[in-house]
Amino acid sequence: MRAEPVDPVFIFLPLSDGESSHDDDVVDPVCGRALSRRGAMGRLRHRRNDHYFCSLNCAERFAATPHEFT
């Protein structure tokens, strides 16, 4: 029996207050907006690098095609 293709599942990790020891500025790789790690709405790890996002929409766009943004 052949398995039916399934849609990928994306996991977004919420940031906790104690998770970041410093509040460095980062840039959302999708829209280019500067933000702080603590102010990020989402974070994804891709190829052992953390990427921070201003919105879940940007995180979803990144997750769908990370090669376009790295």
PDB file of N, CA and C in Angstrom:
ATOM      1  N   MET A   1       0.844  -1.167   0.000  1.00  0.00           N
ATOM      2  CA  MET A   1       0.000   0.000   0.000  1.00  0.00           C
ATOM      3  C   MET A   1       0.898   1.243   0.000  1.00  0.00           C
ATOM      4  N   ARG A   2       0.622   2.164  -0.861  1.00  0.00           N
ATOM      5  CA  ARG A   2       1.395   3.403  -0.981  1.00  0.00           C
ATOM      6  C   ARG A   2       0.837   4.458  -0.023  1.00  0.00           C
ATOM      7  N   ALA A   3       1.744   5.085   0.708  1.00  0.00           N
ATOM      8  CA  ALA A   3       1.326   6.136   1.643  1.00  0.00           C
ATOM      9  C   ALA A   3       0.989   7.404   0.883  1.00  0.00           C
ATOM     10  N   GLU A   4      -0.042   8.088   1.311  1.00  0.00           N
ATOM     11  CA  GLU A   4      -0.436   9.358   0.718  1.00  0.00           C
ATOM     12  C   GLU A   4       0.520  10.449   1.188  1.00  0.00           C
ATOM     13  N   PRO A   5       0.894  11.389   0.306  1.00  0.00           N
ATOM     14  CA  PRO A   5       1.734  12.500   0.749  1.00  0.00           C
ATOM     15  C   PRO A   5       0.990  13.349   1.768  1.00  0.00           C
ATOM     16  N   VAL A   6       1.740  13.870   2.706  1.00  0.00           N
ATOM     17  CA  VAL A   6       1.132  14.704   3.747  1.00  0.00           C
ATOM     18  C   VAL A   6       1.768  16.088   3.713  1.00  0.00           C
ATOM     19  N   ASP A   7       1.039  17.055   4.211  1.00  0.00           N
ATOM     20  CA  ASP A   7       1.563  18.404   4.316  1.00  0.00           C
ATOM     21  C   ASP A   7       2.565  18.463   5.461  1.00  0.00           C
ATOM     22  N   PRO A   8       3.613  19.279   5.311  1.00  0.00           N
ATOM     23  CA  PRO A   8       4.588  19.401   6.404  1.00  0.00           C
ATOM     24  C   PRO A   8       3.956  20.075   7.612  1.00  0.00           C
ATOM     25  N   VAL A   9       4.488  19.757   8.763  1.00  0.00           N
ATOM     26  CA  VAL A   9       4.054  20.369  10.016  1.00  0.00           C
ATOM     27  C   VAL A   9       5.143  21.331  10.453  1.00  0.00           C
ATOM     28  N   PHE A  10       4.771  22.562  10.759  1.00  0.00           N
ATOM     29  CA  PHE A  10       5.728  23.561  11.209  1.00  0.00           C
ATOM     30  C   PHE A  10       5.555  23.780  12.703  1.00  0.00           C
ATOM     31  N   ILE A  11       6.655  23.793  13.406  1.00  0.00           N
ATOM     32  CA  ILE A  11       6.627  23.998  14.846  1.00  0.00           C
ATOM     33  C   ILE A  11       7.288  25.332  15.141  1.00  0.00           C
ATOM     34  N   PHE A  12       6.578  26.198  15.840  1.00  0.00           N
ATOM     35  CA  PHE A  12       7.099  27.496  16.233  1.00  0.00           C
ATOM     36  C   PHE A  12       7.323  27.470  17.736  1.00  0.00           C
ATOM     37  N   LEU A  13       8.531  27.790  18.136  1.00  0.00           N
ATOM     38  CA  LEU A  13       8.875  27.753  19.544  1.00  0.00           C
ATOM     39  C   LEU A  13       8.679  29.118  20.171  1.00  0.00           C
ATOM     40  N   PRO A  14       7.851  29.210  21.212  1.00  0.00           N
ATOM     41  CA  PRO A  14       7.734  30.494  21.906  1.00  0.00           C
ATOM     42  C   PRO A  14       9.002  30.768  22.701  1.00  0.00           C
ATOM     43  N   LEU A  15       9.342  32.009  22.845  1.00  0.00           N
ATOM     44  CA  LEU A  15      10.510  32.399  23.626  1.00  0.00           C
ATOM     45  C   LEU A  15      10.073  32.674  25.046  1.00  0.00           C
ATOM     46  N   SER A  16      10.838  32.187  25.995  1.00  0.00           N
ATOM     47  CA  SER A  16      10.559  32.491  27.395  1.00  0.00           C
ATOM     48  C   SER A  16      11.514  33.577  27.863  1.00  0.00           C
ATOM     49  N   ASP A  17      11.159  34.277  28.940  1.00  0.00           N
ATOM     50  CA  ASP A  17      11.983  35.373  29.440  1.00  0.00           C
ATOM     51  C   ASP A  17      13.393  34.930  29.775  1.00  0.00           C
ATOM     52  N   GLY A  18      13.562  33.770  30.338  1.00  0.00           N
ATOM     53  CA  GLY A  18      14.880  33.317  30.752  1.00  0.00           C
ATOM     54  C   GLY A  18      15.694  32.674  29.645  1.00  0.00           C
ATOM     55  N   GLU A  19      15.144  32.546  28.473  1.00  0.00           N
ATOM     56  CA  GLU A  19      15.820  31.824  27.403  1.00  0.00           C
ATOM     57  C   GLU A  19      16.960  32.610  26.781  1.00  0.00           C
ATOM     58  N   SER A  20      16.832  33.907  26.725  1.00  0.00           N
ATOM     59  CA  SER A  20      17.866  34.728  26.118  1.00  0.00           C
ATOM     60  C   SER A  20      18.593  35.510  27.201  1.00  0.00           C
ATOM     61  N   SER A  21      19.907  35.369  27.251  1.00  0.00           N
ATOM     62  CA  SER A  21      20.667  36.053  28.281  1.00  0.00           C
ATOM     63  C   SER A  21      20.927  37.507  27.921  1.00  0.00           C
ATOM     64  N   HIS A  22      20.737  37.879  26.666  1.00  0.00           N
ATOM     65  CA  HIS A  22      20.904  39.258  26.244  1.00  0.00           C
ATOM     66  C   HIS A  22      19.844  39.601  25.206  1.00  0.00           C
ATOM     67  N   ASP A  23      19.619  40.858  25.038  1.00  0.00           N
ATOM     68  CA  ASP A  23      18.538  41.311  24.167  1.00  0.00           C
ATOM     69  C   ASP A  23      19.107  41.866  22.872  1.00  0.00           C
ATOM     70  N   ASP A  24      19.937  41.086  22.200  1.00  0.00           N
ATOM     71  CA  ASP A  24      20.577  41.524  20.962  1.00  0.00           C
ATOM     72  C   ASP A  24      19.546  41.805  19.886  1.00  0.00           C
ATOM     73  N   ASP A  25      19.869  42.776  19.048  1.00  0.00           N
ATOM     74  CA  ASP A  25      19.018  43.033  17.894  1.00  0.00           C
ATOM     75  C   ASP A  25      19.279  41.970  16.835  1.00  0.00           C
ATOM     76  N   VAL A  26      18.218  41.556  16.187  1.00  0.00           N
ATOM     77  CA  VAL A  26      18.293  40.596  15.088  1.00  0.00           C
ATOM     78  C   VAL A  26      17.459  41.145  13.942  1.00  0.00           C
ATOM     79  N   VAL A  27      17.582  40.543  12.783  1.00  0.00           N
ATOM     80  CA  VAL A  27      16.827  40.972  11.613  1.00  0.00           C
ATOM     81  C   VAL A  27      15.984  39.799  11.122  1.00  0.00           C
ATOM     82  N   ASP A  28      14.718  40.064  10.913  1.00  0.00           N
ATOM     83  CA  ASP A  28      13.817  39.066  10.344  1.00  0.00           C
ATOM     84  C   ASP A  28      14.309  38.789   8.923  1.00  0.00           C
ATOM     85  N   PRO A  29      14.672  37.529   8.603  1.00  0.00           N
ATOM     86  CA  PRO A  29      15.225  37.241   7.282  1.00  0.00           C
ATOM     87  C   PRO A  29      14.212  37.369   6.143  1.00  0.00           C
ATOM     88  N   VAL A  30      12.930  37.401   6.448  1.00  0.00           N
ATOM     89  CA  VAL A  30      11.907  37.477   5.409  1.00  0.00           C
ATOM     90  C   VAL A  30      11.618  38.928   5.019  1.00  0.00           C
ATOM     91  N   CYS A  31      11.312  39.771   5.997  1.00  0.00           N
ATOM     92  CA  CYS A  31      10.907  41.142   5.681  1.00  0.00           C
ATOM     93  C   CYS A  31      12.002  42.161   5.947  1.00  0.00           C
ATOM     94  N   GLY A  32      13.073  41.755   6.637  1.00  0.00           N
ATOM     95  CA  GLY A  32      14.186  42.659   6.896  1.00  0.00           C
ATOM     96  C   GLY A  32      13.990  43.580   8.084  1.00  0.00           C
ATOM     97  N   ARG A  33      12.931  43.395   8.841  1.00  0.00           N
ATOM     98  CA  ARG A  33      12.659  44.249   9.995  1.00  0.00           C
ATOM     99  C   ARG A  33      13.636  43.937  11.125  1.00  0.00           C
ATOM    100  N   ALA A  34      14.180  44.986  11.741  1.00  0.00           N
ATOM    101  CA  ALA A  34      15.041  44.816  12.912  1.00  0.00           C
ATOM    102  C   ALA A  34      14.151  44.649  14.140  1.00  0.00           C
ATOM    103  N   LEU A  35      14.512  43.710  15.006  1.00  0.00           N
ATOM    104  CA  LEU A  35      13.760  43.469  16.233  1.00  0.00           C
ATOM    105  C   LEU A  35      14.688  42.875  17.268  1.00  0.00           C
ATOM    106  N   SER A  36      14.234  42.850  18.498  1.00  0.00           N
ATOM    107  CA  SER A  36      15.015  42.213  19.556  1.00  0.00           C
ATOM    108  C   SER A  36      14.607  40.753  19.655  1.00  0.00           C
ATOM    109  N   ARG A  37      15.493  39.945  20.168  1.00  0.00           N
ATOM    110  CA  ARG A  37      15.168  38.518  20.344  1.00  0.00           C
ATOM    111  C   ARG A  37      13.941  38.363  21.233  1.00  0.00           C
ATOM    112  N   ARG A  38      13.872  39.168  22.288  1.00  0.00           N
ATOM    113  CA  ARG A  38      12.727  39.090  23.216  1.00  0.00           C
ATOM    114  C   ARG A  38      11.435  39.552  22.556  1.00  0.00           C
ATOM    115  N   GLY A  39      11.526  40.449  21.596  1.00  0.00           N
ATOM    116  CA  GLY A  39      10.337  40.960  20.932  1.00  0.00           C
ATOM    117  C   GLY A  39       9.885  40.130  19.748  1.00  0.00           C
ATOM    118  N   ALA A  40      10.630  39.078  19.425  1.00  0.00           N
ATOM    119  CA  ALA A  40      10.296  38.244  18.271  1.00  0.00           C
ATOM    120  C   ALA A  40       9.009  37.461  18.528  1.00  0.00           C
ATOM    121  N   MET A  41       8.203  37.330  17.487  1.00  0.00           N
ATOM    122  CA  MET A  41       6.956  36.561  17.580  1.00  0.00           C
ATOM    123  C   MET A  41       7.176  35.086  17.294  1.00  0.00           C
ATOM    124  N   GLY A  42       8.300  34.749  16.698  1.00  0.00           N
ATOM    125  CA  GLY A  42       8.576  33.353  16.389  1.00  0.00           C
ATOM    126  C   GLY A  42      10.052  33.132  16.174  1.00  0.00           C
ATOM    127  N   ARG A  43      10.440  31.882  16.309  1.00  0.00           N
ATOM    128  CA  ARG A  43      11.836  31.501  16.088  1.00  0.00           C
ATOM    129  C   ARG A  43      11.846  30.136  15.438  1.00  0.00           C
ATOM    130  N   LEU A  44      12.676  29.974  14.439  1.00  0.00           N
ATOM    131  CA  LEU A  44      12.867  28.677  13.797  1.00  0.00           C
ATOM    132  C   LEU A  44      14.351  28.379  13.739  1.00  0.00           C
ATOM    133  N   ARG A  45      14.701  27.129  13.889  1.00  0.00           N
ATOM    134  CA  ARG A  45      16.085  26.698  13.731  1.00  0.00           C
ATOM    135  C   ARG A  45      16.202  26.027  12.372  1.00  0.00           C
ATOM    136  N   HIS A  46      17.151  26.513  11.580  1.00  0.00           N
ATOM    137  CA  HIS A  46      17.392  25.951  10.254  1.00  0.00           C
ATOM    138  C   HIS A  46      18.890  25.788  10.101  1.00  0.00           C
ATOM    139  N   ARG A  47      19.306  24.569   9.815  1.00  0.00           N
ATOM    140  CA  ARG A  47      20.733  24.256   9.667  1.00  0.00           C
ATOM    141  C   ARG A  47      21.552  24.756  10.857  1.00  0.00           C
ATOM    142  N   ARG A  48      21.041  24.485  12.035  1.00  0.00           N
ATOM    143  CA  ARG A  48      21.696  24.805  13.314  1.00  0.00           C
ATOM    144  C   ARG A  48      21.794  26.298  13.613  1.00  0.00           C
ATOM    145  N   ASN A  49      21.057  27.112  12.884  1.00  0.00           N
ATOM    146  CA  ASN A  49      21.020  28.545  13.140  1.00  0.00           C
ATOM    147  C   ASN A  49      19.603  28.946  13.527  1.00  0.00           C
ATOM    148  N   ASP A  50      19.494  29.776  14.563  1.00  0.00           N
ATOM    149  CA  ASP A  50      18.197  30.299  14.962  1.00  0.00           C
ATOM    150  C   ASP A  50      17.876  31.534  14.135  1.00  0.00           C
ATOM    151  N   HIS A  51      16.640  31.605  13.652  1.00  0.00           N
ATOM    152  CA  HIS A  51      16.148  32.753  12.903  1.00  0.00           C
ATOM    153  C   HIS A  51      14.932  33.282  13.649  1.00  0.00           C
ATOM    154  N   TYR A  52      14.869  34.594  13.819  1.00  0.00           N
ATOM    155  CA  TYR A  52      13.803  35.237  14.578  1.00  0.00           C
ATOM    156  C   TYR A  52      12.907  36.015  13.629  1.00  0.00           C
ATOM    157  N   PHE A  53      11.599  36.076  13.969  1.00  0.00           N
ATOM    158  CA  PHE A  53      10.616  36.647  13.057  1.00  0.00           C
ATOM    159  C   PHE A  53       9.714  37.647  13.774  1.00  0.00           C
ATOM    160  N   CYS A  54       9.341  38.687  13.036  1.00  0.00           N
ATOM    161  CA  CYS A  54       8.468  39.722  13.589  1.00  0.00           C
ATOM    162  C   CYS A  54       7.022  39.247  13.669  1.00  0.00           C
ATOM    163  N   SER A  55       6.669  38.246  12.874  1.00  0.00           N
ATOM    164  CA  SER A  55       5.294  37.739  12.862  1.00  0.00           C
ATOM    165  C   SER A  55       5.309  36.255  12.501  1.00  0.00           C
ATOM    166  N   LEU A  56       4.224  35.590  12.831  1.00  0.00           N
ATOM    167  CA  LEU A  56       4.117  34.183  12.448  1.00  0.00           C
ATOM    168  C   LEU A  56       3.972  34.048  10.944  1.00  0.00           C
ATOM    169  N   ASN A  57       3.451  35.071  10.277  1.00  0.00           N
ATOM    170  CA  ASN A  57       3.356  35.059   8.818  1.00  0.00           C
ATOM    171  C   ASN A  57       4.760  34.970   8.212  1.00  0.00           C
ATOM    172  N   CYS A  58       5.697  35.788   8.712  1.00  0.00           N
ATOM    173  CA  CYS A  58       7.075  35.727   8.205  1.00  0.00           C
ATOM    174  C   CYS A  58       7.700  34.361   8.519  1.00  0.00           C
ATOM    175  N   ALA A  59       7.423  33.831   9.704  1.00  0.00           N
ATOM    176  CA  ALA A  59       7.964  32.517  10.067  1.00  0.00           C
ATOM    177  C   ALA A  59       7.425  31.430   9.141  1.00  0.00           C
ATOM    178  N   GLU A  60       6.152  31.501   8.805  1.00  0.00           N
ATOM    179  CA  GLU A  60       5.557  30.515   7.897  1.00  0.00           C
ATOM    180  C   GLU A  60       6.163  30.624   6.497  1.00  0.00           C
ATOM    181  N   ARG A  61       6.370  31.847   6.019  1.00  0.00           N
ATOM    182  CA  ARG A  61       6.989  32.026   4.699  1.00  0.00           C
ATOM    183  C   ARG A  61       8.396  31.444   4.689  1.00  0.00           C
ATOM    184  N   PHE A  62       9.148  31.674   5.759  1.00  0.00           N
ATOM    185  CA  PHE A  62      10.496  31.132   5.868  1.00  0.00           C
ATOM    186  C   PHE A  62      10.462  29.604   5.887  1.00  0.00           C
ATOM    187  N   ALA A  63       9.565  29.040   6.688  1.00  0.00           N
ATOM    188  CA  ALA A  63       9.471  27.587   6.826  1.00  0.00           C
ATOM    189  C   ALA A  63       9.136  26.907   5.503  1.00  0.00           C
ATOM    190  N   ALA A  64       8.342  27.573   4.676  1.00  0.00           N
ATOM    191  CA  ALA A  64       7.937  26.984   3.400  1.00  0.00           C
ATOM    192  C   ALA A  64       9.106  26.933   2.412  1.00  0.00           C
ATOM    193  N   THR A  65       9.972  27.945   2.427  1.00  0.00           N
ATOM    194  CA  THR A  65      11.081  28.015   1.465  1.00  0.00           C
ATOM    195  C   THR A  65      12.322  28.639   2.110  1.00  0.00           C
ATOM    196  N   PRO A  66      12.926  27.976   3.092  1.00  0.00           N
ATOM    197  CA  PRO A  66      14.074  28.579   3.791  1.00  0.00           C
ATOM    198  C   PRO A  66      15.252  28.895   2.882  1.00  0.00           C
ATOM    199  N   HIS A  67      15.423  28.141   1.803  1.00  0.00           N
ATOM    200  CA  HIS A  67      16.551  28.387   0.896  1.00  0.00           C
ATOM    201  C   HIS A  67      16.473  29.759   0.237  1.00  0.00           C
ATOM    202  N   GLU A  68      15.284  30.356   0.173  1.00  0.00           N
ATOM    203  CA  GLU A  68      15.150  31.693  -0.422  1.00  0.00           C
ATOM    204  C   GLU A  68      15.670  32.793   0.503  1.00  0.00           C
ATOM    205  N   PHE A  69      15.786  32.507   1.796  1.00  0.00           N
ATOM    206  CA  PHE A  69      16.120  33.532   2.770  1.00  0.00           C
ATOM    207  C   PHE A  69      17.458  33.319   3.470  1.00  0.00           C
ATOM    208  N   THR A  70      18.140  32.232   3.157  1.00  0.00           N
ATOM    209  CA  THR A  70      19.438  31.973   3.810  1.00  0.00           C
ATOM    210  C   THR A  70      20.568  32.040   2.818  1.00  0.00           C
TER     211      THR A  70
END
